[in-house]
Amino acid sequence: MVFAAIDIGSNAIRLLFCRVYTVSGKPHFNKEELIRMPIRLGEDVFLNGKISDEKANRLITAIKGFSELIKAYGVHSHRAVATSAMRDAVNGEQIISRIKTESGISVEIIDGKNEAALVFSNHIEEIINPKHAYLYIDVGGGSTELTLYFDNKVIAAKSFNIGTVRMLLDKVEKDEWDEMKAWLKKNTFGIHPLFAIGSGGNINKIFKMSGKKETKHLSYDRLKGIYEMLCSYTYQERIERLDLKPDRADVIVPAAKIFLTVMKNADIEKVFVPQIGLSDGLVHEMYEKHLEKSAK
């Protein structure tokens, strides 16, 4: 069966079609299509507190298109969520109402805690060593979600208003950085070794740029080297020489900085990059609910 997930982020919106099937009693999640639209709602919200008519219209047009694709695909179920930019926008609820009226798609505005839980619902226990501790780092345009996983359970989780689009607009307060660093040092104290799991389009792209195929991780030093290389290029050079999309060429630099800051303050040497994110978490949750209904 196929599930569809819509993630309305601060930098881009995404529609994921994922087919789930079972082999020897275990579910397998196969991403069939991913459509990404760089609308960048955060540009409006983090500067002016609201989403402009222009971006709202673009968003609604895109969601109407997504709605038609979902119908054409004949999915089992779908779910749509909106994160940091829509949370902060004074007209967020109004736009959600318009989306429902004009496209038929119901969108949930989720808080940072729910966002972290959804991102973390990707059954990562299947890809990690239960004897080790992991910090799940999800970097978005408007916020960064941190989830500390130790002894087979979540022991701490927090969302911070530190995101790539906020940083580009110089809208991240120093207090927010200080709070995140203090949280990291407090919650990771005495946990060693600690590994990171990176989520989000930017760390996925950085991992691909690293050329590493035999392993699914990046060392702190390798990530720092890529960050310094990215900083050495202008925005235009990142597009032309590194073949980055225009809406990726700017945010990838602050994203790398966030990952490095988190890893440094938590004394983490390796970040694993399984290439999963919020939309994958939505699919996992929809599938779990399907199983619960089937069992009744």
Foldseek 3Di string as FASTA:
>chain_A
DWEWEWEAEQFKIKIWIWDWDDDPRDIDIHTDDMDIGGLRQNVCCLVPQAGDPVSLVVVLVVLLVVLVVCVVVVGPYYAYEYEDSLVRHPCSVVSQVVSCVRRVHHYYYDYLVVQLVLFVLLCCVVVDDQQAKEWEWEAGAQKIKIWIAHNRGTDDIDIFRDHLVCVVVVRHDPVRLVVLLVVLCVVLPPHPPYAYEYEDDLVVVLQVVLVDDVAQKDFLVSLVVVLVVLVVDDLVCCCVVVVDDSSRSRSSNSVSVVVSSSCVSNVHTMYGYPHGHNRSSVVSVVVVVVVVVVVD
